[in-house]
Amino acid sequence: MAEVERTTGLKKSTIYLLVKQNEFPKPISLGLRASGWLMSEINQWKQERIALSRGKDKC
């Protein structure tokens, strides 16, 4: 989670809110009480946000 927060600039509560709203990649299960994200999906999400903020269509 710390790396996801660092790379996106978002806090944990915002990340989970966006996941719930289907606006952020869903985490993958790593075990009974552990989850994580694929950096490739986070990077794609960031590229889409950049495109949207600049008035461009999705990449």
PDB file of N, CA and C in Angstrom:
ATOM      1  N   MET A   1       0.825  -1.191   0.000  1.00  0.00           N
ATOM      2  CA  MET A   1       0.000   0.000   0.000  1.00  0.00           C
ATOM      3  C   MET A   1       0.869   1.255   0.000  1.00  0.00           C
ATOM      4  N   ALA A   2       1.951   1.227   0.758  1.00  0.00           N
ATOM      5  CA  ALA A   2       2.815   2.406   0.838  1.00  0.00           C
ATOM      6  C   ALA A   2       3.340   2.796  -0.538  1.00  0.00           C
ATOM      7  N   GLU A   3       3.719   1.811  -1.338  1.00  0.00           N
ATOM      8  CA  GLU A   3       4.232   2.110  -2.680  1.00  0.00           C
ATOM      9  C   GLU A   3       3.122   2.652  -3.590  1.00  0.00           C
ATOM     10  N   VAL A   4       1.918   2.101  -3.463  1.00  0.00           N
ATOM     11  CA  VAL A   4       0.789   2.591  -4.259  1.00  0.00           C
ATOM     12  C   VAL A   4       0.490   4.042  -3.873  1.00  0.00           C
ATOM     13  N   GLU A   5       0.498   4.336  -2.570  1.00  0.00           N
ATOM     14  CA  GLU A   5       0.285   5.713  -2.117  1.00  0.00           C
ATOM     15  C   GLU A   5       1.372   6.631  -2.652  1.00  0.00           C
ATOM     16  N   ARG A   6       2.605   6.177  -2.574  1.00  0.00           N
ATOM     17  CA  ARG A   6       3.737   6.992  -3.019  1.00  0.00           C
ATOM     18  C   ARG A   6       3.678   7.267  -4.528  1.00  0.00           C
ATOM     19  N   THR A   7       3.377   6.255  -5.294  1.00  0.00           N
ATOM     20  CA  THR A   7       3.401   6.413  -6.751  1.00  0.00           C
ATOM     21  C   THR A   7       2.195   7.186  -7.290  1.00  0.00           C
ATOM     22  N   THR A   8       1.063   7.125  -6.580  1.00  0.00           N
ATOM     23  CA  THR A   8      -0.139   7.817  -7.062  1.00  0.00           C
ATOM     24  C   THR A   8      -0.339   9.176  -6.406  1.00  0.00           C
ATOM     25  N   GLY A   9       0.230   9.352  -5.222  1.00  0.00           N
ATOM     26  CA  GLY A   9      -0.013  10.583  -4.469  1.00  0.00           C
ATOM     27  C   GLY A   9      -1.341  10.564  -3.731  1.00  0.00           C
ATOM     28  N   LEU A  10      -1.991   9.398  -3.703  1.00  0.00           N
ATOM     29  CA  LEU A  10      -3.284   9.251  -3.032  1.00  0.00           C
ATOM     30  C   LEU A  10      -3.101   8.558  -1.693  1.00  0.00           C
ATOM     31  N   LYS A  11      -4.018   8.797  -0.788  1.00  0.00           N
ATOM     32  CA  LYS A  11      -4.022   8.124   0.503  1.00  0.00           C
ATOM     33  C   LYS A  11      -4.841   6.838   0.417  1.00  0.00           C
ATOM     34  N   LYS A  12      -4.628   5.954   1.380  1.00  0.00           N
ATOM     35  CA  LYS A  12      -5.275   4.643   1.413  1.00  0.00           C
ATOM     36  C   LYS A  12      -6.791   4.739   1.284  1.00  0.00           C
ATOM     37  N   SER A  13      -7.409   5.645   2.025  1.00  0.00           N
ATOM     38  CA  SER A  13      -8.871   5.752   1.993  1.00  0.00           C
ATOM     39  C   SER A  13      -9.368   6.161   0.610  1.00  0.00           C
ATOM     40  N   THR A  14      -8.641   7.043  -0.057  1.00  0.00           N
ATOM     41  CA  THR A  14      -9.021   7.479  -1.404  1.00  0.00           C
ATOM     42  C   THR A  14      -8.853   6.343  -2.397  1.00  0.00           C
ATOM     43  N   ILE A  15      -7.782   5.597  -2.271  1.00  0.00           N
ATOM     44  CA  ILE A  15      -7.541   4.462  -3.169  1.00  0.00           C
ATOM     45  C   ILE A  15      -8.683   3.460  -3.066  1.00  0.00           C
ATOM     46  N   TYR A  16      -9.048   3.096  -1.831  1.00  0.00           N
ATOM     47  CA  TYR A  16     -10.137   2.129  -1.661  1.00  0.00           C
ATOM     48  C   TYR A  16     -11.485   2.688  -2.111  1.00  0.00           C
ATOM     49  N   LEU A  17     -11.703   3.977  -1.948  1.00  0.00           N
ATOM     50  CA  LEU A  17     -12.932   4.595  -2.445  1.00  0.00           C
ATOM     51  C   LEU A  17     -12.985   4.503  -3.964  1.00  0.00           C
ATOM     52  N   LEU A  18     -11.876   4.809  -4.632  1.00  0.00           N
ATOM     53  CA  LEU A  18     -11.831   4.726  -6.095  1.00  0.00           C
ATOM     54  C   LEU A  18     -11.989   3.289  -6.575  1.00  0.00           C
ATOM     55  N   VAL A  19     -11.420   2.323  -5.852  1.00  0.00           N
ATOM     56  CA  VAL A  19     -11.612   0.903  -6.200  1.00  0.00           C
ATOM     57  C   VAL A  19     -13.094   0.569  -6.132  1.00  0.00           C
ATOM     58  N   LYS A  20     -13.741   0.994  -5.058  1.00  0.00           N
ATOM     59  CA  LYS A  20     -15.175   0.725  -4.872  1.00  0.00           C
ATOM     60  C   LYS A  20     -16.005   1.334  -5.996  1.00  0.00           C
ATOM     61  N   GLN A  21     -15.579   2.496  -6.502  1.00  0.00           N
ATOM     62  CA  GLN A  21     -16.292   3.183  -7.576  1.00  0.00           C
ATOM     63  C   GLN A  21     -15.846   2.711  -8.961  1.00  0.00           C
ATOM     64  N   ASN A  22     -15.029   1.664  -9.015  1.00  0.00           N
ATOM     65  CA  ASN A  22     -14.484   1.124 -10.271  1.00  0.00           C
ATOM     66  C   ASN A  22     -13.699   2.165 -11.048  1.00  0.00           C
ATOM     67  N   GLU A  23     -12.992   3.035 -10.343  1.00  0.00           N
ATOM     68  CA  GLU A  23     -12.196   4.073 -10.978  1.00  0.00           C
ATOM     69  C   GLU A  23     -10.699   3.894 -10.711  1.00  0.00           C
ATOM     70  N   PHE A  24     -10.334   2.768 -10.124  1.00  0.00           N
ATOM     71  CA  PHE A  24      -8.944   2.455  -9.810  1.00  0.00           C
ATOM     72  C   PHE A  24      -8.800   0.943  -9.897  1.00  0.00           C
ATOM     73  N   PRO A  25      -7.633   0.447 -10.326  1.00  0.00           N
ATOM     74  CA  PRO A  25      -7.454  -1.008 -10.430  1.00  0.00           C
ATOM     75  C   PRO A  25      -7.735  -1.713  -9.105  1.00  0.00           C
ATOM     76  N   LYS A  26      -8.348  -2.871  -9.206  1.00  0.00           N
ATOM     77  CA  LYS A  26      -8.648  -3.661  -8.015  1.00  0.00           C
ATOM     78  C   LYS A  26      -7.376  -4.385  -7.555  1.00  0.00           C
ATOM     79  N   PRO A  27      -7.223  -4.510  -6.247  1.00  0.00           N
ATOM     80  CA  PRO A  27      -6.065  -5.253  -5.743  1.00  0.00           C
ATOM     81  C   PRO A  27      -6.227  -6.749  -6.009  1.00  0.00           C
ATOM     82  N   ILE A  28      -5.105  -7.448  -5.996  1.00  0.00           N
ATOM     83  CA  ILE A  28      -5.131  -8.898  -6.147  1.00  0.00           C
ATOM     84  C   ILE A  28      -4.835  -9.530  -4.785  1.00  0.00           C
ATOM     85  N   SER A  29      -5.399 -10.675  -4.535  1.00  0.00           N
ATOM     86  CA  SER A  29      -5.189 -11.370  -3.273  1.00  0.00           C
ATOM     87  C   SER A  29      -3.811 -12.019  -3.270  1.00  0.00           C
ATOM     88  N   LEU A  30      -3.069 -11.791  -2.188  1.00  0.00           N
ATOM     89  CA  LEU A  30      -1.751 -12.397  -2.024  1.00  0.00           C
ATOM     90  C   LEU A  30      -1.752 -13.442  -0.909  1.00  0.00           C
ATOM     91  N   GLY A  31      -2.854 -13.558  -0.228  1.00  0.00           N
ATOM     92  CA  GLY A  31      -2.977 -14.491   0.883  1.00  0.00           C
ATOM     93  C   GLY A  31      -4.245 -14.192   1.651  1.00  0.00           C
ATOM     94  N   LEU A  32      -4.373 -14.790   2.815  1.00  0.00           N
ATOM     95  CA  LEU A  32      -5.592 -14.612   3.598  1.00  0.00           C
ATOM     96  C   LEU A  32      -5.828 -13.162   3.994  1.00  0.00           C
ATOM     97  N   ARG A  33      -4.783 -12.458   4.406  1.00  0.00           N
ATOM     98  CA  ARG A  33      -4.940 -11.085   4.887  1.00  0.00           C
ATOM     99  C   ARG A  33      -4.008 -10.114   4.164  1.00  0.00           C
ATOM    100  N   ALA A  34      -3.649 -10.450   2.939  1.00  0.00           N
ATOM    101  CA  ALA A  34      -2.725  -9.595   2.200  1.00  0.00           C
ATOM    102  C   ALA A  34      -3.216  -9.391   0.774  1.00  0.00           C
ATOM    103  N   SER A  35      -3.020  -8.190   0.274  1.00  0.00           N
ATOM    104  CA  SER A  35      -3.367  -7.889  -1.115  1.00  0.00           C
ATOM    105  C   SER A  35      -2.338  -6.923  -1.671  1.00  0.00           C
ATOM    106  N   GLY A  36      -2.345  -6.799  -2.968  1.00  0.00           N
ATOM    107  CA  GLY A  36      -1.402  -5.897  -3.621  1.00  0.00           C
ATOM    108  C   GLY A  36      -1.919  -5.524  -4.990  1.00  0.00           C
ATOM    109  N   TRP A  37      -1.192  -4.672  -5.662  1.00  0.00           N
ATOM    110  CA  TRP A  37      -1.566  -4.219  -6.989  1.00  0.00           C
ATOM    111  C   TRP A  37      -0.465  -4.542  -7.980  1.00  0.00           C
ATOM    112  N   LEU A  38      -0.852  -4.698  -9.227  1.00  0.00           N
ATOM    113  CA  LEU A  38       0.125  -4.848 -10.300  1.00  0.00           C
ATOM    114  C   LEU A  38       0.579  -3.456 -10.718  1.00  0.00           C
ATOM    115  N   MET A  39       1.883  -3.213 -10.694  1.00  0.00           N
ATOM    116  CA  MET A  39       2.393  -1.896 -11.068  1.00  0.00           C
ATOM    117  C   MET A  39       2.029  -1.546 -12.507  1.00  0.00           C
ATOM    118  N   SER A  40       1.915  -2.541 -13.365  1.00  0.00           N
ATOM    119  CA  SER A  40       1.525  -2.272 -14.746  1.00  0.00           C
ATOM    120  C   SER A  40       0.130  -1.665 -14.803  1.00  0.00           C
ATOM    121  N   GLU A  41      -0.791  -2.138 -13.949  1.00  0.00           N
ATOM    122  CA  GLU A  41      -2.149  -1.582 -13.908  1.00  0.00           C
ATOM    123  C   GLU A  41      -2.150  -0.181 -13.297  1.00  0.00           C
ATOM    124  N   ILE A  42      -1.316   0.039 -12.279  1.00  0.00           N
ATOM    125  CA  ILE A  42      -1.205   1.366 -11.677  1.00  0.00           C
ATOM    126  C   ILE A  42      -0.643   2.347 -12.697  1.00  0.00           C
ATOM    127  N   ASN A  43       0.387   1.936 -13.421  1.00  0.00           N
ATOM    128  CA  ASN A  43       0.981   2.817 -14.432  1.00  0.00           C
ATOM    129  C   ASN A  43       0.002   3.131 -15.550  1.00  0.00           C
ATOM    130  N   GLN A  44      -0.786   2.144 -15.966  1.00  0.00           N
ATOM    131  CA  GLN A  44      -1.804   2.382 -16.997  1.00  0.00           C
ATOM    132  C   GLN A  44      -2.848   3.365 -16.479  1.00  0.00           C
ATOM    133  N   TRP A  45      -3.281   3.193 -15.230  1.00  0.00           N
ATOM    134  CA  TRP A  45      -4.250   4.107 -14.618  1.00  0.00           C
ATOM    135  C   TRP A  45      -3.687   5.524 -14.599  1.00  0.00           C
ATOM    136  N   LYS A  46      -2.409   5.678 -14.246  1.00  0.00           N
ATOM    137  CA  LYS A  46      -1.782   7.007 -14.216  1.00  0.00           C
ATOM    138  C   LYS A  46      -1.748   7.629 -15.613  1.00  0.00           C
ATOM    139  N   GLN A  47      -1.417   6.837 -16.625  1.00  0.00           N
ATOM    140  CA  GLN A  47      -1.391   7.348 -17.997  1.00  0.00           C
ATOM    141  C   GLN A  47      -2.782   7.797 -18.446  1.00  0.00           C
ATOM    142  N   GLU A  48      -3.808   7.040 -18.063  1.00  0.00           N
ATOM    143  CA  GLU A  48      -5.180   7.424 -18.401  1.00  0.00           C
ATOM    144  C   GLU A  48      -5.570   8.728 -17.703  1.00  0.00           C
ATOM    145  N   ARG A  49      -5.162   8.884 -16.441  1.00  0.00           N
ATOM    146  CA  ARG A  49      -5.452  10.124 -15.706  1.00  0.00           C
ATOM    147  C   ARG A  49      -4.752  11.314 -16.344  1.00  0.00           C
ATOM    148  N   ILE A  50      -3.526  11.129 -16.788  1.00  0.00           N
ATOM    149  CA  ILE A  50      -2.792  12.201 -17.461  1.00  0.00           C
ATOM    150  C   ILE A  50      -3.523  12.596 -18.734  1.00  0.00           C
ATOM    151  N   ALA A  51      -3.922  11.612 -19.521  1.00  0.00           N
ATOM    152  CA  ALA A  51      -4.634  11.888 -20.767  1.00  0.00           C
ATOM    153  C   ALA A  51      -5.939  12.634 -20.495  1.00  0.00           C
ATOM    154  N   LEU A  52      -6.680  12.185 -19.477  1.00  0.00           N
ATOM    155  CA  LEU A  52      -7.943  12.848 -19.147  1.00  0.00           C
ATOM    156  C   LEU A  52      -7.717  14.292 -18.689  1.00  0.00           C
ATOM    157  N   SER A  53      -6.685  14.502 -17.911  1.00  0.00           N
ATOM    158  CA  SER A  53      -6.426  15.847 -17.391  1.00  0.00           C
ATOM    159  C   SER A  53      -5.991  16.809 -18.493  1.00  0.00           C
ATOM    160  N   ARG A  54      -5.495  16.255 -19.575  1.00  0.00           N
ATOM    161  CA  ARG A  54      -5.073  17.091 -20.709  1.00  0.00           C
ATOM    162  C   ARG A  54      -6.079  17.115 -21.833  1.00  0.00           C
ATOM    163  N   GLY A  55      -7.271  16.591 -21.552  1.00  0.00           N
ATOM    164  CA  GLY A  55      -8.359  16.648 -22.525  1.00  0.00           C
ATOM    165  C   GLY A  55      -8.213  15.685 -23.674  1.00  0.00           C
ATOM    166  N   LYS A  56      -7.467  14.617 -23.480  1.00  0.00           N
ATOM    167  CA  LYS A  56      -7.277  13.617 -24.522  1.00  0.00           C
ATOM    168  C   LYS A  56      -8.077  12.382 -24.206  1.00  0.00           C
ATOM    169  N   ASP A  57      -8.345  11.568 -25.234  1.00  0.00           N
ATOM    170  CA  ASP A  57      -9.016  10.287 -25.024  1.00  0.00           C
ATOM    171  C   ASP A  57      -8.080   9.352 -24.290  1.00  0.00           C
ATOM    172  N   LYS A  58      -8.651   8.224 -23.787  1.00  0.00           N
ATOM    173  CA  LYS A  58      -7.834   7.222 -23.101  1.00  0.00           C
ATOM    174  C   LYS A  58      -6.751   6.720 -24.034  1.00  0.00           C
ATOM    175  N   CYS A  59      -5.630   6.323 -23.428  1.00  0.00           N
ATOM    176  CA  CYS A  59      -4.477   5.791 -24.179  1.00  0.00           C
ATOM    177  C   CYS A  59      -4.792   4.428 -24.738  1.00  0.00           C
TER     178      CYS A  59
END
